[in-house]
Amino acid sequence: MPRDESSAITDQFPVQGSVFRLNGVVMESTQGLFDEFAEKMQFPSYFGRNWAALEDCLYDMTWSPSPVGYLVVIEEWPAVLRESKENIPVFLDILKDVGSSWAQYPGAGIPFNTVLVGKPVEWNH
C-alpha cells in the first residue's frame, strides 16, 4: 500500500488505539527486525530477539495495553528481511496468527492489524 494510503488508514484509527510505525529499511536482517520491533513497540527488557520471543511479545502487550486495538505500520515493506528472504513467510505467519488471536480476545476481541507500506512484493508461501 502506498504511503499516502497508509496515512489515511492511521488517521481513521481510534485516538485511544496504539499505533506503531516501524521503518522497514532498518529491518533488512532478522536482527534489525527484532531491534526495530523492540525499540518502536517498547518491548520489555527480557525480549529474546528471536521469532518465538517476537511472537510472545506480540501476543502479550501487557506493557502497552490498548482496549481499542493495535495498528502496526511497517513502512518501506520491500526492504524488510531483504538479507534473509527465507524468513518472510515466518514473519508474515506470526503477524497473521497474532492478529487472529487478538480478534478472539475474550469479550468483543481487540483488533491487532498490520499495514505493509510499499510496492507489492511477490513471494511464494
Protein backbone atom coordinates (compact mmCIF):
# COMPACT_ATOMS: atom_id res chain seq x y z
CA MET A 1 0.00 0.00 0.00
CA PRO A 2 1.41 3.43 -0.88
CA ARG A 3 2.47 5.70 1.97
CA ASP A 4 -0.32 8.25 1.42
CA GLU A 5 -2.93 5.50 1.67
CA SER A 6 -1.42 4.25 4.95
CA SER A 7 -1.77 7.75 6.38
CA ALA A 8 -5.48 7.66 5.54
CA ILE A 9 -5.82 4.38 7.46
CA THR A 10 -3.90 5.57 10.51
CA ASP A 11 -5.89 8.82 10.53
CA GLN A 12 -9.08 6.75 10.88
CA PHE A 13 -7.69 4.59 13.68
CA PRO A 14 -9.26 5.42 17.08
CA VAL A 15 -7.29 8.01 19.04
CA GLN A 16 -7.17 5.70 22.07
CA GLY A 17 -5.65 2.89 19.97
CA SER A 18 -1.94 2.17 19.84
CA VAL A 19 -0.23 2.89 16.51
CA PHE A 20 3.34 1.73 15.96
CA ARG A 21 5.27 2.91 12.88
CA LEU A 22 8.27 0.76 12.01
CA ASN A 23 10.98 1.54 9.46
CA GLY A 24 11.43 -1.38 7.06
CA VAL A 25 14.80 -0.06 5.85
CA VAL A 26 16.39 -0.93 9.22
CA MET A 27 14.62 -4.32 9.18
CA GLU A 28 16.63 -5.84 6.30
CA SER A 29 18.02 -8.54 8.59
CA THR A 30 16.32 -10.58 11.29
CA GLN A 31 18.41 -8.79 13.94
CA GLY A 32 17.37 -5.41 12.52
CA LEU A 33 13.73 -6.51 12.52
CA PHE A 34 13.90 -7.64 16.15
CA ASP A 35 15.69 -4.43 17.17
CA GLU A 36 13.13 -2.20 15.41
CA PHE A 37 10.17 -4.01 16.97
CA ALA A 38 11.81 -3.85 20.41
CA GLU A 39 12.51 -0.13 20.11
CA LYS A 40 9.32 1.12 18.46
CA MET A 41 6.94 -1.11 20.41
CA GLN A 42 8.93 -0.71 23.63
CA PHE A 43 9.25 -4.44 24.27
CA PRO A 44 10.28 -5.41 27.80
CA SER A 45 13.97 -5.95 28.52
CA TYR A 46 13.51 -9.73 28.58
CA PHE A 47 12.68 -9.81 24.83
CA GLY A 48 14.92 -12.57 23.45
CA ARG A 49 15.34 -11.22 19.90
CA ASN A 50 14.18 -14.39 18.12
CA TRP A 51 10.99 -15.46 16.33
CA ALA A 52 9.42 -17.16 19.36
CA ALA A 53 10.12 -14.13 21.55
CA LEU A 54 8.67 -11.75 18.94
CA GLU A 55 5.52 -13.82 18.78
CA ASP A 56 5.27 -13.99 22.58
CA CYS A 57 5.64 -10.23 22.97
CA LEU A 58 3.05 -9.50 20.28
CA TYR A 59 0.60 -11.91 21.93
CA ASP A 60 1.16 -10.29 25.33
CA MET A 61 1.37 -6.46 25.06
CA THR A 62 0.69 -6.04 28.81
CA TRP A 63 3.27 -3.22 28.94
CA SER A 64 1.20 -1.28 26.37
CA PRO A 65 -2.47 -2.12 26.99
CA SER A 66 -4.99 -0.82 24.47
CA PRO A 67 -8.66 -1.73 24.85
CA VAL A 68 -9.35 -0.18 21.42
CA GLY A 69 -6.70 -2.04 19.43
CA TYR A 70 -3.26 -2.06 17.90
CA LEU A 71 -2.06 -0.99 14.48
CA VAL A 72 1.46 -1.82 13.30
CA VAL A 73 2.53 0.14 10.22
CA ILE A 74 5.64 -1.18 8.51
CA GLU A 75 6.98 1.48 6.14
CA GLU A 76 9.24 0.52 3.23
CA TRP A 77 7.93 -3.06 3.24
CA PRO A 78 10.06 -4.24 0.25
CA ALA A 79 13.22 -3.72 2.34
CA VAL A 80 12.04 -5.96 5.19
CA LEU A 81 14.15 -9.12 5.52
CA ARG A 82 15.90 -8.38 2.23
CA GLU A 83 19.00 -10.13 3.63
CA SER A 84 17.09 -13.25 4.70
CA LYS A 85 14.07 -13.62 2.42
CA GLU A 86 13.51 -17.18 3.62
CA ASN A 87 12.20 -15.67 6.87
CA ILE A 88 9.45 -13.58 5.24
CA PRO A 89 6.85 -16.39 5.43
CA VAL A 90 7.73 -16.97 9.11
CA PHE A 91 7.30 -13.26 9.86
CA LEU A 92 4.01 -12.97 7.97
CA ASP A 93 2.64 -16.09 9.66
CA ILE A 94 3.44 -14.58 13.06
CA LEU A 95 1.63 -11.35 12.18
CA LYS A 96 -1.38 -13.28 10.87
CA ASP A 97 -1.55 -15.58 13.90
CA VAL A 98 -1.19 -12.71 16.36
CA GLY A 99 -3.96 -10.74 14.61
CA SER A 100 -6.24 -13.77 14.68
CA SER A 101 -5.54 -14.40 18.35
CA TRP A 102 -6.28 -10.82 19.40
CA ALA A 103 -9.53 -10.92 17.40
CA GLN A 104 -10.65 -13.82 19.60
CA TYR A 105 -9.82 -11.98 22.83
CA PRO A 106 -12.46 -12.77 25.48
CA GLY A 107 -15.34 -10.37 25.13
CA ALA A 108 -15.52 -8.41 21.93
CA GLY A 109 -11.99 -9.05 20.64
CA ILE A 110 -9.28 -6.46 20.22
CA PRO A 111 -8.08 -5.52 16.72
CA PHE A 112 -4.39 -6.13 16.05
CA ASN A 113 -3.69 -5.20 12.45
CA THR A 114 -0.58 -4.73 10.37
CA VAL A 115 -0.28 -2.47 7.33
CA LEU A 116 2.61 -3.12 4.93
CA VAL A 117 3.53 0.09 3.13
CA GLY A 118 5.39 -0.04 -0.17
CA LYS A 119 5.22 -1.63 -3.57
CA PRO A 120 3.84 -5.18 -3.52
CA VAL A 121 6.39 -7.94 -3.17
CA GLU A 122 5.74 -11.33 -4.71
CA TRP A 123 6.58 -14.36 -2.62
CA ASN A 124 5.53 -17.97 -2.61
CA HIS A 125 4.08 -19.35 0.58
